[in-house]
């Protein structure tokens, strides 16, 4: 083991509800998960329940440094008025203001370069969710939809650009309130705040995931982006950039950065093949993992080994 390897220590980040409290506290302990209860007892905590948030190994000086991101990835939210954390199926204190009644639009803006950029729009209010290929996953989004179907409050977070989407019930039967926005000091600041029929919201999310499942860039542009053939990647990227510049000069394309990124991502998704070496660490057959992911997005059934 290298010198730096010897310096790493195990950690387990947890949410804890103490006896007599209704909310959760959160922290990181310097131990493996099977030693969490011993550590809590040693600190004299009167624990009613605890939940693992994340585990791993880290340098001692960095202990707890990823707690906020780990909590967000699991859909946990800091409820500032209540002074506690809330789980992904627990409602937090509603934000101030009145939600608008407007049409809600959910769409995939682009998939490529290791990002799946989704757009949440209600009227003129727009928020982008930048789902990255390292810290984020669509499994929490599927769980989010499960809770919507069950009529529960629901929430998921996006670590890629530290944003959150939350749904709570309203006093009107069948109508829920969706808020979505970036986190500021751990608290979501809604950019989109809309009252919407729950059945319509479920359908909108299902359509979004089905569209993502069929997107040609889901594999090469997101799931297996890190394993792309670098020579092919750079050649296609240069081709896409050249075609875009020619289109701008000819007046066919606008001189707009976001439009350029959309064009390049779509071009690479259409032309970049999935190569066998990208799959050697996944499944014997090169398309098994991709098909498994697509099936989850379409059916909302999370594979048992991903739960």
Protein backbone atom coordinates (compact mmCIF):
# COMPACT_ATOMS: atom_id res chain seq x y z
CA UNK A 1 0.00 0.00 0.00
CA UNK A 2 1.28 3.49 -0.85
CA UNK A 3 1.92 6.12 1.81
CA UNK A 4 -1.16 8.09 0.79
CA UNK A 5 -3.21 4.88 0.78
CA UNK A 6 -2.29 4.28 4.41
CA UNK A 7 -3.55 7.75 5.32
CA UNK A 8 -7.11 7.10 4.14
CA UNK A 9 -9.67 6.26 6.81
CA UNK A 10 -13.12 4.69 6.48
CA UNK A 11 -16.19 6.85 6.93
CA UNK A 12 -19.94 6.44 7.12
CA UNK A 13 -22.26 9.44 6.74
CA UNK A 14 -25.59 9.02 8.49
CA UNK A 15 -28.89 10.72 9.23
CA UNK A 16 -29.97 10.27 12.86
CA UNK A 17 -33.29 10.87 14.55
CA UNK A 18 -32.88 11.15 18.29
CA UNK A 19 -35.55 10.07 20.74
CA UNK A 20 -38.17 12.77 21.22
CA UNK A 21 -37.34 14.52 17.94
CA UNK A 22 -39.34 14.48 14.70
CA UNK A 23 -36.58 15.69 12.37
CA UNK A 24 -33.18 14.30 11.49
CA UNK A 25 -29.62 15.33 12.25
CA UNK A 26 -26.76 14.46 9.95
CA UNK A 27 -23.08 13.73 10.40
CA UNK A 28 -20.08 11.68 9.34
CA UNK A 29 -18.41 9.07 11.54
CA UNK A 30 -14.84 7.75 11.04
CA UNK A 31 -15.81 4.09 10.81
CA UNK A 32 -17.23 1.32 8.66
CA UNK A 33 -21.06 0.96 8.64
CA UNK A 34 -20.98 -2.07 10.94
CA UNK A 35 -19.41 0.06 13.69
CA UNK A 36 -21.83 3.01 13.48
CA UNK A 37 -24.01 1.93 16.39
CA UNK A 38 -20.98 1.45 18.61
CA UNK A 39 -19.76 4.96 17.77
CA UNK A 40 -23.20 6.46 18.46
CA UNK A 41 -23.45 4.67 21.79
CA UNK A 42 -19.98 5.91 22.71
CA UNK A 43 -21.15 9.46 22.15
CA UNK A 44 -24.19 8.94 24.35
CA UNK A 45 -26.73 9.46 21.61
CA UNK A 46 -30.26 8.27 22.39
CA UNK A 47 -31.07 7.13 18.88
CA UNK A 48 -34.60 6.37 17.70
CA UNK A 49 -33.54 5.63 14.10
CA UNK A 50 -30.60 6.09 11.77
CA UNK A 51 -30.08 5.82 8.02
CA UNK A 52 -26.87 5.42 6.06
CA UNK A 53 -26.28 8.23 3.57
CA UNK A 54 -22.86 7.27 2.17
CA UNK A 55 -19.73 5.28 2.90
CA UNK A 56 -16.18 5.19 1.63
CA UNK A 57 -12.59 6.14 2.46
CA UNK A 58 -11.21 9.64 2.76
CA UNK A 59 -8.22 11.57 4.03
CA UNK A 60 -8.75 12.57 7.69
CA UNK A 61 -8.78 16.30 6.91
CA UNK A 62 -11.61 15.76 4.41
CA UNK A 63 -13.90 13.84 6.77
CA UNK A 64 -17.47 15.06 6.20
CA UNK A 65 -16.52 17.30 3.27
CA UNK A 66 -18.90 15.50 0.88
CA UNK A 67 -21.83 15.23 3.27
CA UNK A 68 -23.96 17.93 1.63
CA UNK A 69 -23.48 16.43 -1.83
CA UNK A 70 -24.14 12.89 -0.59
CA UNK A 71 -27.32 14.04 1.16
CA UNK A 72 -28.51 15.89 -1.96
CA UNK A 73 -27.89 12.83 -4.13
CA UNK A 74 -30.27 10.89 -1.85
CA UNK A 75 -32.92 13.64 -1.92
CA UNK A 76 -32.43 14.85 1.65
CA UNK A 77 -33.19 18.52 2.31
CA UNK A 78 -32.27 20.95 5.06
CA UNK A 79 -35.49 22.37 6.56
CA UNK A 80 -34.20 25.70 7.82
CA UNK A 81 -37.38 26.88 9.66
CA UNK A 82 -37.56 23.55 11.52
CA UNK A 83 -33.80 23.34 12.07
CA UNK A 84 -33.51 19.74 10.88
CA UNK A 85 -33.04 17.49 7.86
CA UNK A 86 -35.93 15.83 6.00
CA UNK A 87 -35.78 12.56 4.08
CA UNK A 88 -36.76 12.40 0.41
CA UNK A 89 -40.31 11.25 1.26
CA UNK A 90 -40.85 13.79 4.05
CA UNK A 91 -42.23 17.28 3.39
CA UNK A 92 -40.08 20.24 4.37
CA UNK A 93 -41.52 23.60 5.37
CA UNK A 94 -43.12 25.05 2.20
CA UNK A 95 -41.39 28.06 0.65
CA UNK A 96 -42.97 31.48 0.88
CA UNK A 97 -45.07 32.67 -2.02
CA UNK A 98 -48.00 31.33 -3.99
CA UNK A 99 -47.42 28.74 -6.71
CA UNK A 100 -48.52 29.71 -10.18
CA UNK A 101 -51.11 27.72 -12.13
CA UNK A 102 -49.44 27.13 -15.45
CA UNK A 103 -48.49 24.37 -17.82
CA UNK A 104 -45.40 22.44 -16.76
CA UNK A 105 -42.93 21.25 -19.37
CA UNK A 106 -40.18 18.67 -18.75
CA UNK A 107 -37.68 18.01 -21.52
CA UNK A 108 -34.22 16.69 -22.21
CA UNK A 109 -32.20 19.61 -23.50
CA UNK A 110 -29.05 17.65 -24.36
CA UNK A 111 -27.14 14.49 -23.54
CA UNK A 112 -23.42 14.56 -24.18
CA UNK A 113 -19.96 15.25 -22.82
CA UNK A 114 -20.88 13.39 -19.61
CA UNK A 115 -23.96 15.51 -18.90
CA UNK A 116 -27.69 14.95 -19.22
CA UNK A 117 -29.21 18.44 -19.16
CA UNK A 118 -32.93 18.49 -18.38
CA UNK A 119 -35.19 21.51 -18.49
CA UNK A 120 -38.06 22.27 -16.09
CA UNK A 121 -40.31 25.05 -17.38
CA UNK A 122 -43.52 26.68 -16.18
CA UNK A 123 -44.51 29.72 -18.20
CA UNK A 124 -41.45 31.99 -18.33
CA UNK A 125 -39.79 30.29 -15.34
CA UNK A 126 -37.02 27.89 -16.41
CA UNK A 127 -34.53 25.73 -14.51
CA UNK A 128 -31.89 23.42 -15.94
CA UNK A 129 -30.87 20.25 -14.12
CA UNK A 130 -27.28 19.30 -15.03
CA UNK A 131 -27.11 15.58 -14.26
CA UNK A 132 -23.49 14.50 -14.43
CA UNK A 133 -22.18 11.02 -15.15
CA UNK A 134 -20.14 10.68 -11.93
CA UNK A 135 -22.17 11.82 -8.91
CA UNK A 136 -25.72 11.62 -10.30
CA UNK A 137 -28.05 8.83 -11.39
CA UNK A 138 -31.61 8.47 -12.66
CA UNK A 139 -32.40 5.86 -10.00
CA UNK A 140 -33.43 8.60 -7.49
CA UNK A 141 -35.66 10.12 -10.19
CA UNK A 142 -37.41 6.76 -10.63
CA UNK A 143 -37.90 6.54 -6.85
CA UNK A 144 -39.23 10.11 -6.94
CA UNK A 145 -41.91 8.99 -9.42
CA UNK A 146 -42.75 5.95 -7.28
CA UNK A 147 -43.58 8.29 -4.38
CA UNK A 148 -45.64 10.53 -6.67
CA UNK A 149 -47.67 7.51 -7.73
CA UNK A 150 -48.20 6.60 -4.07
CA UNK A 151 -49.52 10.11 -3.36
CA UNK A 152 -46.60 10.99 -1.07
CA UNK A 153 -44.36 14.04 -0.83
CA UNK A 154 -41.29 13.47 -2.96
CA UNK A 155 -37.93 15.03 -3.71
CA UNK A 156 -34.72 14.39 -5.64
CA UNK A 157 -31.48 16.32 -5.93
CA UNK A 158 -28.95 16.89 -8.69
CA UNK A 159 -25.32 17.17 -7.60
CA UNK A 160 -24.14 18.28 -11.05
CA UNK A 161 -25.34 21.84 -10.48
CA UNK A 162 -26.62 21.53 -6.89
CA UNK A 163 -30.32 21.80 -7.69
CA UNK A 164 -33.42 20.14 -6.27
CA UNK A 165 -36.95 19.22 -7.32
CA UNK A 166 -39.58 18.80 -4.60
CA UNK A 167 -43.28 17.98 -4.55
CA UNK A 168 -45.68 18.42 -1.63
CA UNK A 169 -49.41 17.93 -1.31
CA UNK A 170 -51.86 20.83 -1.29
CA UNK A 171 -55.28 21.28 0.30
CA UNK A 172 -56.89 20.54 -3.09
CA UNK A 173 -57.40 16.86 -3.78
CA UNK A 174 -55.32 15.59 -6.67
CA UNK A 175 -53.26 18.77 -6.89
CA UNK A 176 -49.65 19.04 -5.72
CA UNK A 177 -47.07 21.80 -5.59
CA UNK A 178 -43.79 21.39 -7.45
CA UNK A 179 -40.82 23.58 -6.64
CA UNK A 180 -37.44 23.40 -8.33
CA UNK A 181 -34.36 25.52 -7.90
CA UNK A 182 -30.72 25.78 -6.87
CA UNK A 183 -29.48 25.31 -3.33
CA UNK A 184 -28.21 28.34 -1.45
CA UNK A 185 -26.53 27.49 1.87
CA UNK A 186 -28.32 24.15 1.79
CA UNK A 187 -31.79 25.61 1.20
CA UNK A 188 -33.61 25.39 -2.13
CA UNK A 189 -34.51 28.74 -3.71
CA UNK A 190 -37.40 28.01 -6.08
CA UNK A 191 -37.07 29.16 -9.68
CA UNK A 192 -40.09 27.12 -10.73
CA UNK A 193 -43.07 27.03 -8.35
CA UNK A 194 -46.25 25.60 -9.82
CA UNK A 195 -49.48 23.91 -8.71
CA UNK A 196 -50.25 20.96 -10.94
CA UNK A 197 -52.50 17.92 -11.13
CA UNK A 198 -50.53 15.00 -9.70
CA UNK A 199 -51.58 12.63 -12.48
CA UNK A 200 -50.35 15.12 -15.10
CA UNK A 201 -47.04 15.48 -13.27
CA UNK A 202 -46.53 11.71 -13.15
CA UNK A 203 -47.25 11.45 -16.86
CA UNK A 204 -44.83 14.30 -17.65
CA UNK A 205 -42.00 12.58 -15.77
CA UNK A 206 -42.77 9.23 -17.38
CA UNK A 207 -42.67 10.77 -20.85
CA UNK A 208 -39.36 12.45 -19.97
CA UNK A 209 -37.72 9.19 -18.88
CA UNK A 210 -39.05 7.33 -21.93
CA UNK A 211 -37.56 9.99 -24.19
CA UNK A 212 -34.22 9.68 -22.37
CA UNK A 213 -34.28 5.90 -22.75
CA UNK A 214 -34.52 6.30 -26.52
CA UNK A 215 -31.92 9.04 -26.82
CA UNK A 216 -28.94 7.92 -28.94
CA UNK A 217 -26.52 9.67 -26.58
CA UNK A 218 -27.59 7.90 -23.40
CA UNK A 219 -24.85 5.27 -23.75
CA UNK A 220 -21.88 6.97 -25.39
CA UNK A 221 -22.64 10.49 -24.15
CA UNK A 222 -23.54 9.75 -20.54
CA UNK A 223 -23.48 6.18 -19.18
CA UNK A 224 -20.13 5.26 -20.71
CA UNK A 225 -18.75 8.71 -21.47
CA UNK A 226 -15.65 8.11 -19.32
CA UNK A 227 -14.75 5.04 -21.39
CA UNK A 228 -15.05 6.71 -24.79
CA UNK A 229 -12.36 6.14 -27.41
CA UNK A 230 -10.47 9.43 -27.07
CA UNK A 231 -9.28 9.52 -30.69
CA UNK A 232 -12.80 9.01 -32.06
CA UNK A 233 -14.20 11.43 -29.47
CA UNK A 234 -11.82 14.24 -30.45
CA UNK A 235 -12.31 13.66 -34.18
CA UNK A 236 -16.09 13.86 -33.90
CA UNK A 237 -15.92 16.84 -31.60
CA UNK A 238 -13.74 18.70 -34.11
CA UNK A 239 -16.09 17.73 -36.96
CA UNK A 240 -19.14 18.98 -35.05
CA UNK A 241 -17.41 22.26 -34.20
CA UNK A 242 -16.38 22.78 -37.85
CA UNK A 243 -19.91 22.06 -39.12
CA UNK A 244 -21.39 24.46 -36.58
CA UNK A 245 -18.96 27.26 -37.51
CA UNK A 246 -19.77 26.75 -41.20
CA UNK A 247 -23.49 26.90 -40.42
CA UNK A 248 -23.10 30.13 -38.46
CA UNK A 249 -21.07 31.74 -41.25
CA UNK A 250 -23.67 30.69 -43.81
CA UNK A 251 -26.50 32.06 -41.68
CA UNK A 252 -28.12 28.63 -41.11
CA UNK A 253 -27.34 28.51 -37.36
CA UNK A 254 -27.54 31.23 -34.69
CA UNK A 255 -24.40 32.45 -32.93
CA UNK A 256 -25.64 30.99 -29.65
CA UNK A 257 -23.52 28.95 -27.22
CA UNK A 258 -26.34 26.76 -25.87
CA UNK A 259 -27.54 25.96 -29.39
CA UNK A 260 -23.98 25.06 -30.35
CA UNK A 261 -23.66 22.68 -27.38
CA UNK A 262 -26.98 21.05 -28.31
CA UNK A 263 -25.83 20.60 -31.91
CA UNK A 264 -22.45 19.12 -30.96
CA UNK A 265 -23.96 16.75 -28.39
CA UNK A 266 -26.56 15.48 -30.88
CA UNK A 267 -23.95 15.10 -33.63
CA UNK A 268 -21.68 13.02 -31.42
CA UNK A 269 -24.60 10.94 -30.13
CA UNK A 270 -25.51 10.05 -33.71
CA UNK A 271 -21.95 9.26 -34.85
CA UNK A 272 -20.09 7.89 -31.84
CA UNK A 273 -20.35 4.09 -31.58
CA UNK A 274 -20.27 2.10 -28.37
CA UNK A 275 -17.08 0.07 -28.47
CA UNK A 276 -16.61 -3.31 -26.76
CA UNK A 277 -13.87 -2.10 -24.42
CA UNK A 278 -16.36 0.24 -22.74
CA UNK A 279 -18.25 -2.76 -21.40
CA UNK A 280 -15.57 -5.16 -20.20
CA UNK A 281 -16.08 -4.01 -16.60
CA UNK A 282 -19.89 -4.28 -16.78
CA UNK A 283 -21.51 -7.32 -18.38
CA UNK A 284 -20.39 -10.11 -20.73
CA UNK A 285 -22.56 -8.74 -23.52
CA UNK A 286 -21.74 -5.15 -24.42
CA UNK A 287 -25.34 -3.92 -24.54
CA UNK A 288 -26.67 -5.58 -21.39
CA UNK A 289 -26.08 -2.64 -19.05
CA UNK A 290 -27.44 -0.06 -21.47
CA UNK A 291 -30.56 -2.14 -22.09
CA UNK A 292 -30.97 -2.63 -18.35
CA UNK A 293 -30.86 1.14 -17.82
CA UNK A 294 -33.27 1.81 -20.67
CA UNK A 295 -35.71 -0.75 -19.28
CA UNK A 296 -35.62 0.94 -15.87
CA UNK A 297 -36.37 4.34 -17.42
CA UNK A 298 -39.30 2.95 -19.41
CA UNK A 299 -40.86 0.65 -16.79
CA UNK A 300 -39.84 2.37 -13.52
CA UNK A 301 -38.62 -1.02 -12.25
CA UNK A 302 -35.28 -0.60 -10.47
CA UNK A 303 -33.05 -3.68 -10.76
CA UNK A 304 -32.69 -5.48 -7.44
CA UNK A 305 -28.91 -5.03 -7.39
CA UNK A 306 -29.32 -1.25 -7.80
CA UNK A 307 -31.82 -0.78 -4.99
